[in-house]
Amino acid sequence: MEITRKTILNDEKYLRQISQPVDLSDESYKEEIKLLEQFCLETECFALAAIQIGIPKRMIYLKNTTLDVPLEDKSYNESTILINPVIISRKGHTRYWEACLSCLNNMGLVSRPYEMVVEYYDVNGVQHNEIFEGFEATVLSHELDHLDGILHMDIAEEVINIPREERKAYREKHPYEVISKTCDYDEIFMKKLKK
């Protein structure tokens, strides 16, 4: 299967579909995960949802969920795979200027939870219940939205058009912000939806 990056330029309708659950009894998903990994290893990215390379299944590949390692360092790879992830709970409030491989030069200021409990299966079909905190929760939240056809631009407080090479400097002036580690994120999110 050829890897084709999907973008809003030609594939917005495709990106807005809801990804289907992975059938863990059909091991073909393991080949699709290899494609996810290959794409991430060749690309400067934090993570990737399978839909972004033309696989509309509920799979996420986390490559770099730390702000300590620059995106340019392609050798860094956490290689965390989440299959059929489900959010169990979330709390806290953070904001970050997010970008996306599918959304061209559109960068948006997005609110995310500080902490999430997520249930998922790994590449071997083993179930996990894991806590993701801080920037790790931000990255995962962005990818989870992709599985439901939501783009970061849809929920951003503000969207700017900025070339990839200028993002790092912009983010240094507007860094990742932890507003609260414990507040009720869903209450904040519901208020934002009503605006």
N, C-alpha and C. Protein backbone atom coordinates (compact mmCIF):
# COMPACT_ATOMS: atom_id res chain seq x y z
N MET A 1 0.84 -1.19 0.00
CA MET A 1 0.00 0.00 0.00
C MET A 1 0.89 1.25 0.00
N GLU A 2 0.56 2.20 -0.85
CA GLU A 2 1.33 3.43 -0.94
C GLU A 2 0.88 4.41 0.15
N ILE A 3 1.83 5.11 0.74
CA ILE A 3 1.50 6.10 1.76
C ILE A 3 1.21 7.44 1.07
N THR A 4 0.01 7.95 1.29
CA THR A 4 -0.37 9.24 0.72
C THR A 4 -0.88 10.13 1.83
N ARG A 5 -0.20 11.24 2.08
CA ARG A 5 -0.65 12.18 3.11
C ARG A 5 -1.90 12.89 2.64
N LYS A 6 -2.92 12.87 3.48
CA LYS A 6 -4.19 13.54 3.19
C LYS A 6 -4.14 14.96 3.77
N THR A 7 -4.54 15.95 2.97
CA THR A 7 -4.57 17.34 3.46
C THR A 7 -5.90 18.00 3.11
N ILE A 8 -6.15 19.12 3.76
CA ILE A 8 -7.40 19.84 3.51
C ILE A 8 -7.45 20.44 2.11
N LEU A 9 -6.31 20.47 1.44
CA LEU A 9 -6.29 21.03 0.08
C LEU A 9 -7.16 20.21 -0.86
N ASN A 10 -7.01 18.89 -0.81
CA ASN A 10 -7.77 18.01 -1.71
C ASN A 10 -8.62 16.96 -1.00
N ASP A 11 -8.40 16.79 0.31
CA ASP A 11 -9.01 15.64 1.00
C ASP A 11 -9.81 16.02 2.25
N GLU A 12 -10.33 17.24 2.33
CA GLU A 12 -10.99 17.65 3.56
C GLU A 12 -12.18 16.76 3.90
N LYS A 13 -13.00 16.42 2.92
CA LYS A 13 -14.15 15.55 3.18
C LYS A 13 -13.69 14.20 3.73
N TYR A 14 -12.63 13.66 3.16
CA TYR A 14 -12.07 12.38 3.62
C TYR A 14 -11.62 12.50 5.09
N LEU A 15 -10.90 13.57 5.41
CA LEU A 15 -10.39 13.76 6.77
C LEU A 15 -11.49 13.94 7.80
N ARG A 16 -12.67 14.36 7.35
CA ARG A 16 -13.77 14.63 8.28
C ARG A 16 -14.66 13.41 8.53
N GLN A 17 -14.28 12.27 7.99
CA GLN A 17 -15.05 11.06 8.28
C GLN A 17 -14.67 10.51 9.65
N ILE A 18 -15.54 9.72 10.22
CA ILE A 18 -15.26 9.07 11.51
C ILE A 18 -14.56 7.74 11.23
N SER A 19 -13.39 7.57 11.81
CA SER A 19 -12.62 6.35 11.59
C SER A 19 -13.32 5.15 12.24
N GLN A 20 -13.15 4.00 11.61
CA GLN A 20 -13.80 2.77 12.06
C GLN A 20 -12.93 2.02 13.08
N PRO A 21 -13.58 1.30 14.01
CA PRO A 21 -12.80 0.50 14.96
C PRO A 21 -11.96 -0.56 14.25
N VAL A 22 -10.82 -0.88 14.83
CA VAL A 22 -9.94 -1.91 14.30
C VAL A 22 -10.43 -3.27 14.78
N ASP A 23 -10.53 -4.20 13.86
CA ASP A 23 -10.87 -5.59 14.19
C ASP A 23 -9.57 -6.29 14.56
N LEU A 24 -9.36 -6.50 15.84
CA LEU A 24 -8.10 -7.07 16.32
C LEU A 24 -7.92 -8.54 15.92
N SER A 25 -9.00 -9.18 15.47
CA SER A 25 -8.87 -10.57 15.03
C SER A 25 -8.31 -10.66 13.60
N ASP A 26 -8.31 -9.52 12.90
CA ASP A 26 -7.75 -9.45 11.55
C ASP A 26 -6.38 -8.77 11.65
N GLU A 27 -5.32 -9.55 11.56
CA GLU A 27 -3.98 -9.02 11.83
C GLU A 27 -3.43 -8.11 10.74
N SER A 28 -4.23 -7.79 9.72
CA SER A 28 -3.76 -6.87 8.67
C SER A 28 -3.47 -5.48 9.25
N TYR A 29 -4.05 -5.17 10.42
CA TYR A 29 -3.79 -3.87 11.04
C TYR A 29 -2.30 -3.71 11.37
N LYS A 30 -1.59 -4.81 11.58
CA LYS A 30 -0.17 -4.71 11.92
C LYS A 30 0.64 -4.16 10.74
N GLU A 31 0.24 -4.50 9.53
CA GLU A 31 0.90 -3.95 8.34
C GLU A 31 0.60 -2.45 8.22
N GLU A 32 -0.61 -2.06 8.57
CA GLU A 32 -0.99 -0.63 8.51
C GLU A 32 -0.22 0.17 9.55
N ILE A 33 0.04 -0.43 10.70
CA ILE A 33 0.84 0.25 11.73
C ILE A 33 2.27 0.45 11.24
N LYS A 34 2.80 -0.50 10.48
CA LYS A 34 4.15 -0.34 9.90
C LYS A 34 4.19 0.87 8.97
N LEU A 35 3.10 1.10 8.24
CA LEU A 35 3.03 2.27 7.36
C LEU A 35 2.98 3.56 8.18
N LEU A 36 2.23 3.54 9.28
CA LEU A 36 2.18 4.70 10.18
C LEU A 36 3.58 5.01 10.71
N GLU A 37 4.26 3.97 11.16
CA GLU A 37 5.61 4.16 11.69
C GLU A 37 6.56 4.69 10.62
N GLN A 38 6.51 4.09 9.45
CA GLN A 38 7.39 4.52 8.35
C GLN A 38 7.18 6.01 8.05
N PHE A 39 5.91 6.43 7.97
CA PHE A 39 5.63 7.83 7.68
C PHE A 39 6.17 8.74 8.79
N CYS A 40 5.93 8.35 10.04
CA CYS A 40 6.39 9.17 11.17
C CYS A 40 7.91 9.28 11.22
N LEU A 41 8.59 8.19 10.92
CA LEU A 41 10.05 8.20 10.96
C LEU A 41 10.65 9.10 9.87
N GLU A 42 9.93 9.25 8.77
CA GLU A 42 10.41 10.06 7.65
C GLU A 42 9.97 11.52 7.73
N THR A 43 9.16 11.85 8.74
CA THR A 43 8.51 13.16 8.79
C THR A 43 8.74 13.84 10.13
N GLU A 44 8.84 15.15 10.12
CA GLU A 44 8.89 15.91 11.38
C GLU A 44 7.46 16.02 11.90
N CYS A 45 7.16 15.24 12.94
CA CYS A 45 5.80 15.28 13.51
C CYS A 45 5.84 14.82 14.95
N PHE A 46 4.80 15.20 15.69
CA PHE A 46 4.65 14.72 17.06
C PHE A 46 3.98 13.34 17.05
N ALA A 47 2.98 13.20 16.17
CA ALA A 47 2.19 11.98 16.14
C ALA A 47 1.37 11.95 14.86
N LEU A 48 0.63 10.86 14.67
CA LEU A 48 -0.18 10.73 13.47
C LEU A 48 -1.37 9.81 13.73
N ALA A 49 -2.52 10.22 13.22
CA ALA A 49 -3.70 9.35 13.21
C ALA A 49 -3.72 8.66 11.85
N ALA A 50 -4.14 7.41 11.82
CA ALA A 50 -4.09 6.61 10.59
C ALA A 50 -4.85 7.27 9.43
N ILE A 51 -5.94 7.93 9.72
CA ILE A 51 -6.74 8.60 8.68
C ILE A 51 -5.90 9.58 7.87
N GLN A 52 -4.86 10.15 8.47
CA GLN A 52 -4.06 11.16 7.80
C GLN A 52 -3.22 10.61 6.66
N ILE A 53 -3.06 9.28 6.63
CA ILE A 53 -2.36 8.68 5.50
C ILE A 53 -3.27 7.69 4.76
N GLY A 54 -4.57 7.93 4.86
CA GLY A 54 -5.51 7.16 4.06
C GLY A 54 -5.95 5.83 4.65
N ILE A 55 -5.83 5.68 5.97
CA ILE A 55 -6.30 4.47 6.64
C ILE A 55 -7.36 4.91 7.65
N PRO A 56 -8.64 4.84 7.30
CA PRO A 56 -9.69 5.36 8.19
C PRO A 56 -10.05 4.40 9.33
N LYS A 57 -9.03 4.05 10.11
CA LYS A 57 -9.22 3.16 11.26
C LYS A 57 -8.75 3.87 12.52
N ARG A 58 -9.25 3.42 13.66
CA ARG A 58 -8.98 4.07 14.94
C ARG A 58 -7.61 3.63 15.49
N MET A 59 -6.57 4.20 14.87
CA MET A 59 -5.19 3.92 15.28
C MET A 59 -4.41 5.22 15.33
N ILE A 60 -3.56 5.33 16.35
CA ILE A 60 -2.72 6.53 16.55
C ILE A 60 -1.29 6.07 16.81
N TYR A 61 -0.36 6.82 16.23
CA TYR A 61 1.07 6.57 16.46
C TYR A 61 1.65 7.80 17.15
N LEU A 62 2.17 7.64 18.36
CA LEU A 62 2.81 8.75 19.08
C LEU A 62 4.32 8.63 18.89
N LYS A 63 4.91 9.67 18.29
CA LYS A 63 6.34 9.66 18.02
C LYS A 63 7.11 10.52 19.03
N ASN A 64 6.59 11.72 19.32
CA ASN A 64 7.30 12.66 20.19
C ASN A 64 6.28 13.47 20.99
N THR A 65 6.11 13.12 22.26
CA THR A 65 5.15 13.83 23.09
C THR A 65 5.84 14.67 24.17
N THR A 66 7.05 15.11 23.85
CA THR A 66 7.78 15.95 24.78
C THR A 66 8.22 17.23 24.08
N LEU A 67 8.26 18.30 24.80
CA LEU A 67 8.76 19.56 24.24
C LEU A 67 10.28 19.66 24.39
N ASP A 68 10.89 18.66 25.05
CA ASP A 68 12.33 18.68 25.29
C ASP A 68 13.15 18.23 24.07
N VAL A 69 12.51 17.49 23.18
CA VAL A 69 13.21 17.00 21.98
C VAL A 69 12.65 17.73 20.77
N PRO A 70 13.48 18.43 20.02
CA PRO A 70 12.98 19.18 18.86
C PRO A 70 12.43 18.26 17.77
N LEU A 71 11.42 18.74 17.07
CA LEU A 71 10.82 17.97 15.98
C LEU A 71 11.83 17.58 14.91
N GLU A 72 12.84 18.43 14.74
CA GLU A 72 13.86 18.17 13.71
C GLU A 72 14.65 16.89 13.99
N ASP A 73 14.65 16.45 15.25
CA ASP A 73 15.38 15.24 15.63
C ASP A 73 14.55 14.02 15.22
N LYS A 74 14.74 13.58 13.98
CA LYS A 74 13.94 12.46 13.46
C LYS A 74 14.31 11.13 14.10
N SER A 75 15.45 11.07 14.78
CA SER A 75 15.87 9.81 15.40
C SER A 75 15.07 9.50 16.67
N TYR A 76 14.46 10.53 17.28
CA TYR A 76 13.70 10.31 18.51
C TYR A 76 12.35 9.69 18.16
N ASN A 77 12.04 8.58 18.80
CA ASN A 77 10.79 7.90 18.47
C ASN A 77 10.27 7.12 19.67
N GLU A 78 9.17 7.58 20.24
CA GLU A 78 8.55 6.89 21.37
C GLU A 78 7.86 5.60 20.93
N SER A 79 7.44 5.57 19.68
CA SER A 79 6.83 4.36 19.09
C SER A 79 5.69 3.80 19.94
N THR A 80 4.79 4.69 20.39
CA THR A 80 3.62 4.26 21.15
C THR A 80 2.44 4.16 20.21
N ILE A 81 1.81 2.99 20.19
CA ILE A 81 0.68 2.76 19.30
C ILE A 81 -0.57 2.57 20.13
N LEU A 82 -1.61 3.31 19.78
CA LEU A 82 -2.89 3.18 20.46
C LEU A 82 -3.94 2.74 19.44
N ILE A 83 -4.58 1.61 19.72
CA ILE A 83 -5.61 1.07 18.84
C ILE A 83 -6.95 1.13 19.57
N ASN A 84 -7.96 1.60 18.87
CA ASN A 84 -9.31 1.76 19.43
C ASN A 84 -9.30 2.51 20.77
N PRO A 85 -8.61 3.66 20.84
CA PRO A 85 -8.54 4.40 22.11
C PRO A 85 -9.88 5.01 22.49
N VAL A 86 -10.13 5.01 23.80
CA VAL A 86 -11.36 5.60 24.36
C VAL A 86 -10.96 6.46 25.55
N ILE A 87 -11.46 7.70 25.58
CA ILE A 87 -11.19 8.59 26.72
C ILE A 87 -12.08 8.16 27.89
N ILE A 88 -11.46 7.87 29.01
CA ILE A 88 -12.19 7.50 30.23
C ILE A 88 -12.49 8.74 31.06
N SER A 89 -11.49 9.61 31.19
CA SER A 89 -11.70 10.86 31.93
C SER A 89 -10.65 11.87 31.50
N ARG A 90 -10.94 13.15 31.77
CA ARG A 90 -9.96 14.21 31.48
C ARG A 90 -10.19 15.36 32.43
N LYS A 91 -9.08 16.04 32.77
CA LYS A 91 -9.18 17.17 33.69
C LYS A 91 -8.04 18.14 33.40
N GLY A 92 -8.16 19.33 33.97
CA GLY A 92 -7.14 20.35 33.77
C GLY A 92 -7.37 21.11 32.47
N HIS A 93 -6.50 22.09 32.23
CA HIS A 93 -6.68 22.96 31.06
C HIS A 93 -5.32 23.49 30.61
N THR A 94 -5.00 23.26 29.33
CA THR A 94 -3.77 23.77 28.73
C THR A 94 -4.11 24.45 27.42
N ARG A 95 -3.17 25.24 26.92
CA ARG A 95 -3.33 25.85 25.59
C ARG A 95 -2.00 25.77 24.86
N TYR A 96 -2.11 25.55 23.53
CA TYR A 96 -0.90 25.44 22.72
C TYR A 96 -1.24 25.83 21.28
N TRP A 97 -0.25 26.42 20.61
CA TRP A 97 -0.42 26.76 19.19
C TRP A 97 -0.14 25.50 18.38
N GLU A 98 -1.20 24.81 18.02
CA GLU A 98 -1.09 23.53 17.32
C GLU A 98 -1.03 23.72 15.81
N ALA A 99 -0.27 22.85 15.18
CA ALA A 99 -0.24 22.76 13.73
C ALA A 99 -0.57 21.31 13.38
N CYS A 100 -0.68 21.03 12.09
CA CYS A 100 -1.11 19.70 11.69
C CYS A 100 -0.61 19.38 10.28
N LEU A 101 -0.11 18.17 10.10
CA LEU A 101 0.36 17.76 8.78
C LEU A 101 -0.75 17.78 7.73
N SER A 102 -1.99 17.69 8.18
CA SER A 102 -3.12 17.68 7.25
C SER A 102 -3.68 19.07 6.96
N CYS A 103 -3.29 20.05 7.76
CA CYS A 103 -3.93 21.37 7.69
C CYS A 103 -3.04 22.47 7.15
N LEU A 104 -2.03 22.07 6.38
CA LEU A 104 -1.15 23.03 5.69
C LEU A 104 -0.54 24.02 6.67
N ASN A 105 -0.60 25.31 6.39
CA ASN A 105 0.05 26.31 7.24
C ASN A 105 -0.86 26.89 8.32
N ASN A 106 -1.99 26.27 8.56
CA ASN A 106 -2.94 26.77 9.56
C ASN A 106 -2.53 26.32 10.96
N MET A 107 -2.18 27.29 11.80
CA MET A 107 -1.82 27.02 13.18
C MET A 107 -2.89 27.63 14.07
N GLY A 108 -3.34 26.89 15.08
CA GLY A 108 -4.43 27.38 15.92
C GLY A 108 -4.12 27.28 17.40
N LEU A 109 -4.64 28.25 18.16
CA LEU A 109 -4.50 28.23 19.62
C LEU A 109 -5.64 27.37 20.18
N VAL A 110 -5.26 26.20 20.71
CA VAL A 110 -6.26 25.20 21.10
C VAL A 110 -6.16 24.87 22.59
N SER A 111 -7.32 24.78 23.24
CA SER A 111 -7.40 24.32 24.63
C SER A 111 -7.50 22.81 24.65
N ARG A 112 -6.76 22.20 25.57
CA ARG A 112 -6.77 20.75 25.74
C ARG A 112 -6.74 20.42 27.23
N PRO A 113 -7.09 19.19 27.61
CA PRO A 113 -6.97 18.80 29.01
C PRO A 113 -5.51 18.64 29.42
N TYR A 114 -5.23 18.83 30.70
CA TYR A 114 -3.88 18.60 31.21
C TYR A 114 -3.64 17.10 31.43
N GLU A 115 -4.69 16.40 31.83
CA GLU A 115 -4.55 14.98 32.12
C GLU A 115 -5.71 14.20 31.52
N MET A 116 -5.38 13.05 30.94
CA MET A 116 -6.41 12.17 30.38
C MET A 116 -6.13 10.73 30.79
N VAL A 117 -7.21 10.01 31.07
CA VAL A 117 -7.11 8.57 31.24
C VAL A 117 -7.70 7.96 29.97
N VAL A 118 -6.90 7.15 29.30
CA VAL A 118 -7.31 6.57 28.02
C VAL A 118 -7.15 5.05 28.06
N GLU A 119 -8.20 4.38 27.60
CA GLU A 119 -8.15 2.93 27.46
C GLU A 119 -7.87 2.62 26.00
N TYR A 120 -6.95 1.71 25.73
CA TYR A 120 -6.61 1.38 24.35
C TYR A 120 -5.97 -0.01 24.27
N TYR A 121 -5.78 -0.48 23.04
CA TYR A 121 -5.08 -1.74 22.81
C TYR A 121 -3.75 -1.43 22.15
N ASP A 122 -2.73 -2.23 22.47
CA ASP A 122 -1.43 -2.04 21.83
C ASP A 122 -1.36 -2.91 20.57
N VAL A 123 -0.21 -2.91 19.91
CA VAL A 123 -0.05 -3.61 18.64
C VAL A 123 -0.26 -5.13 18.78
N ASN A 124 -0.10 -5.66 20.00
CA ASN A 124 -0.30 -7.09 20.23
C ASN A 124 -1.70 -7.42 20.72
N GLY A 125 -2.58 -6.40 20.75
CA GLY A 125 -3.96 -6.62 21.18
C GLY A 125 -4.15 -6.65 22.69
N VAL A 126 -3.14 -6.20 23.42
CA VAL A 126 -3.23 -6.15 24.88
C VAL A 126 -3.87 -4.83 25.30
N GLN A 127 -4.85 -4.91 26.19
CA GLN A 127 -5.56 -3.71 26.63
C GLN A 127 -4.78 -2.97 27.71
N HIS A 128 -4.80 -1.63 27.62
CA HIS A 128 -4.12 -0.77 28.60
C HIS A 128 -5.09 0.30 29.08
N ASN A 129 -4.84 0.75 30.30
CA ASN A 129 -5.55 1.89 30.86
C ASN A 129 -4.46 2.82 31.36
N GLU A 130 -4.25 3.94 30.68
CA GLU A 130 -3.05 4.74 30.94
C GLU A 130 -3.39 6.21 31.15
N ILE A 131 -2.59 6.85 31.99
CA ILE A 131 -2.73 8.30 32.23
C ILE A 131 -1.73 9.03 31.35
N PHE A 132 -2.21 10.03 30.62
CA PHE A 132 -1.36 10.90 29.81
C PHE A 132 -1.46 12.30 30.39
N GLU A 133 -0.28 12.93 30.61
CA GLU A 133 -0.27 14.25 31.27
C GLU A 133 0.49 15.29 30.46
N GLY A 134 0.13 16.54 30.67
CA GLY A 134 0.86 17.65 30.09
C GLY A 134 0.82 17.65 28.57
N PHE A 135 1.98 17.91 27.98
CA PHE A 135 2.05 18.02 26.52
C PHE A 135 1.67 16.71 25.83
N GLU A 136 1.97 15.62 26.50
CA GLU A 136 1.60 14.29 26.00
C GLU A 136 0.07 14.22 25.79
N ALA A 137 -0.70 14.77 26.74
CA ALA A 137 -2.16 14.78 26.62
C ALA A 137 -2.62 15.69 25.49
N THR A 138 -1.89 16.78 25.27
CA THR A 138 -2.21 17.69 24.17
C THR A 138 -2.05 16.99 22.82
N VAL A 139 -0.91 16.33 22.64
CA VAL A 139 -0.64 15.62 21.39
C VAL A 139 -1.68 14.54 21.15
N LEU A 140 -1.96 13.76 22.19
CA LEU A 140 -2.93 12.67 22.04
C LEU A 140 -4.33 13.21 21.76
N SER A 141 -4.72 14.29 22.42
CA SER A 141 -6.04 14.88 22.18
C SER A 141 -6.21 15.30 20.72
N HIS A 142 -5.17 15.90 20.16
CA HIS A 142 -5.19 16.32 18.75
C HIS A 142 -5.45 15.11 17.84
N GLU A 143 -4.76 14.01 18.11
CA GLU A 143 -4.91 12.81 17.28
C GLU A 143 -6.26 12.13 17.50
N LEU A 144 -6.73 12.12 18.74
CA LEU A 144 -8.05 11.54 19.02
C LEU A 144 -9.14 12.29 18.24
N ASP A 145 -9.01 13.61 18.16
CA ASP A 145 -9.97 14.38 17.37
C ASP A 145 -9.98 13.93 15.91
N HIS A 146 -8.81 13.65 15.36
CA HIS A 146 -8.74 13.18 13.97
C HIS A 146 -9.60 11.93 13.75
N LEU A 147 -9.63 11.05 14.75
CA LEU A 147 -10.41 9.82 14.62
C LEU A 147 -11.91 10.10 14.49
N ASP A 148 -12.31 11.27 14.97
CA ASP A 148 -13.73 11.66 14.89
C ASP A 148 -13.98 12.73 13.84
N GLY A 149 -13.00 12.94 12.96
CA GLY A 149 -13.19 13.89 11.86
C GLY A 149 -13.09 15.35 12.27
N ILE A 150 -12.49 15.61 13.42
CA ILE A 150 -12.36 16.99 13.93
C ILE A 150 -10.93 17.47 13.67
N LEU A 151 -10.81 18.66 13.11
CA LEU A 151 -9.50 19.27 12.88
C LEU A 151 -9.25 20.33 13.94
N HIS A 152 -7.98 20.57 14.26
CA HIS A 152 -7.67 21.54 15.32
C HIS A 152 -8.22 22.93 15.01
N MET A 153 -8.33 23.25 13.73
CA MET A 153 -8.85 24.57 13.32
C MET A 153 -10.31 24.74 13.73
N ASP A 154 -11.04 23.62 13.84
CA ASP A 154 -12.47 23.67 14.19
C ASP A 154 -12.69 24.16 15.62
N ILE A 155 -11.74 23.88 16.50
CA ILE A 155 -11.94 24.19 17.92
C ILE A 155 -10.96 25.24 18.44
N ALA A 156 -10.15 25.80 17.55
CA ALA A 156 -9.15 26.81 17.95
C ALA A 156 -9.82 28.13 18.32
N GLU A 157 -9.24 28.81 19.31
CA GLU A 157 -9.70 30.15 19.68
C GLU A 157 -9.32 31.16 18.60
N GLU A 158 -8.20 30.87 17.96
CA GLU A 158 -7.67 31.77 16.92
C GLU A 158 -6.86 30.92 15.95
N VAL A 159 -6.94 31.22 14.68
CA VAL A 159 -6.17 30.50 13.66
C VAL A 159 -5.35 31.51 12.87
N ILE A 160 -4.06 31.20 12.68
CA ILE A 160 -3.21 32.05 11.86
C ILE A 160 -2.56 31.20 10.78
N ASN A 161 -2.20 31.81 9.69
CA ASN A 161 -1.52 31.12 8.60
C ASN A 161 -0.04 31.44 8.71
N ILE A 162 0.75 30.41 9.00
CA ILE A 162 2.17 30.66 9.25
C ILE A 162 3.00 29.51 8.66
N PRO A 163 4.01 29.81 7.86
CA PRO A 163 4.84 28.75 7.26
C PRO A 163 5.53 27.89 8.32
N ARG A 164 5.73 26.65 7.98
CA ARG A 164 6.34 25.67 8.89
C ARG A 164 7.65 26.18 9.49
N GLU A 165 8.49 26.81 8.67
CA GLU A 165 9.81 27.26 9.15
C GLU A 165 9.74 28.41 10.15
N GLU A 166 8.57 29.06 10.26
CA GLU A 166 8.42 30.17 11.21
C GLU A 166 7.73 29.75 12.51
N ARG A 167 7.22 28.53 12.56
CA ARG A 167 6.44 28.08 13.72
C ARG A 167 7.25 28.01 15.00
N LYS A 168 8.48 27.49 14.90
CA LYS A 168 9.31 27.32 16.09
C LYS A 168 9.53 28.65 16.81
N ALA A 169 9.87 29.68 16.06
CA ALA A 169 10.09 31.00 16.66
C ALA A 169 8.79 31.55 17.25
N TYR A 170 7.69 31.32 16.57
CA TYR A 170 6.39 31.80 17.08
C TYR A 170 6.05 31.10 18.40
N ARG A 171 6.30 29.80 18.43
CA ARG A 171 5.99 29.04 19.66
C ARG A 171 6.91 29.40 20.81
N GLU A 172 8.13 29.83 20.50
CA GLU A 172 9.04 30.28 21.58
C GLU A 172 8.49 31.53 22.24
N LYS A 173 7.85 32.40 21.46
CA LYS A 173 7.24 33.61 22.02
C LYS A 173 5.87 33.34 22.64
N HIS A 174 5.22 32.25 22.22
CA HIS A 174 3.90 31.86 22.71
C HIS A 174 3.94 30.39 23.12
N PRO A 175 4.60 30.08 24.26
CA PRO A 175 4.85 28.68 24.62
C PRO A 175 3.60 27.94 25.12
N TYR A 176 3.77 26.64 25.24
CA TYR A 176 2.76 25.76 25.84
C TYR A 176 2.37 26.31 27.21
N GLU A 177 1.09 26.38 27.49
CA GLU A 177 0.61 27.02 28.71
C GLU A 177 -0.27 26.07 29.51
N VAL A 178 0.11 25.86 30.78
CA VAL A 178 -0.72 25.07 31.70
C VAL A 178 -1.54 26.07 32.52
N ILE A 179 -2.85 26.05 32.31
CA ILE A 179 -3.74 26.97 33.02
C ILE A 179 -4.19 26.36 34.34
N SER A 180 -4.51 25.07 34.31
CA SER A 180 -4.90 24.34 35.52
C SER A 180 -4.60 22.87 35.33
N LYS A 181 -4.18 22.21 36.41
CA LYS A 181 -3.94 20.77 36.35
C LYS A 181 -5.13 19.97 36.84
N THR A 182 -6.10 20.65 37.47
CA THR A 182 -7.16 19.90 38.15
C THR A 182 -8.59 20.32 37.81
N CYS A 183 -8.79 21.40 37.08
CA CYS A 183 -10.17 21.87 36.84
C CYS A 183 -10.95 20.87 35.98
N ASP A 184 -12.26 21.04 35.92
CA ASP A 184 -13.13 20.17 35.13
C ASP A 184 -13.04 20.58 33.67
N TYR A 185 -12.25 19.85 32.89
CA TYR A 185 -12.04 20.21 31.49
C TYR A 185 -13.33 20.15 30.68
N ASP A 186 -14.14 19.13 30.92
CA ASP A 186 -15.36 18.98 30.13
C ASP A 186 -16.31 20.16 30.32
N GLU A 187 -16.33 20.72 31.53
CA GLU A 187 -17.16 21.90 31.79
C GLU A 187 -16.65 23.09 30.96
N ILE A 188 -15.34 23.25 30.89
CA ILE A 188 -14.73 24.33 30.08
C ILE A 188 -15.04 24.10 28.60
N PHE A 189 -14.89 22.86 28.16
CA PHE A 189 -15.11 22.52 26.76
C PHE A 189 -16.56 22.78 26.36
N MET A 190 -17.51 22.43 27.22
CA MET A 190 -18.92 22.64 26.92
C MET A 190 -19.25 24.14 26.83
N LYS A 191 -18.63 24.94 27.69
CA LYS A 191 -18.83 26.40 27.63
C LYS A 191 -18.32 26.95 26.29
N LYS A 192 -17.18 26.44 25.84
CA LYS A 192 -16.62 26.90 24.56
C LYS A 192 -17.53 26.55 23.39
N LEU A 193 -18.14 25.36 23.46
CA LEU A 193 -19.04 24.93 22.38
C LEU A 193 -20.28 25.81 22.29
N LYS A 194 -20.73 26.31 23.44
CA LYS A 194 -21.96 27.12 23.48
C LYS A 194 -21.73 28.53 22.96
N LYS A 195 -20.46 28.99 22.92
CA LYS A 195 -20.17 30.35 22.47
C LYS A 195 -20.43 30.51 20.98
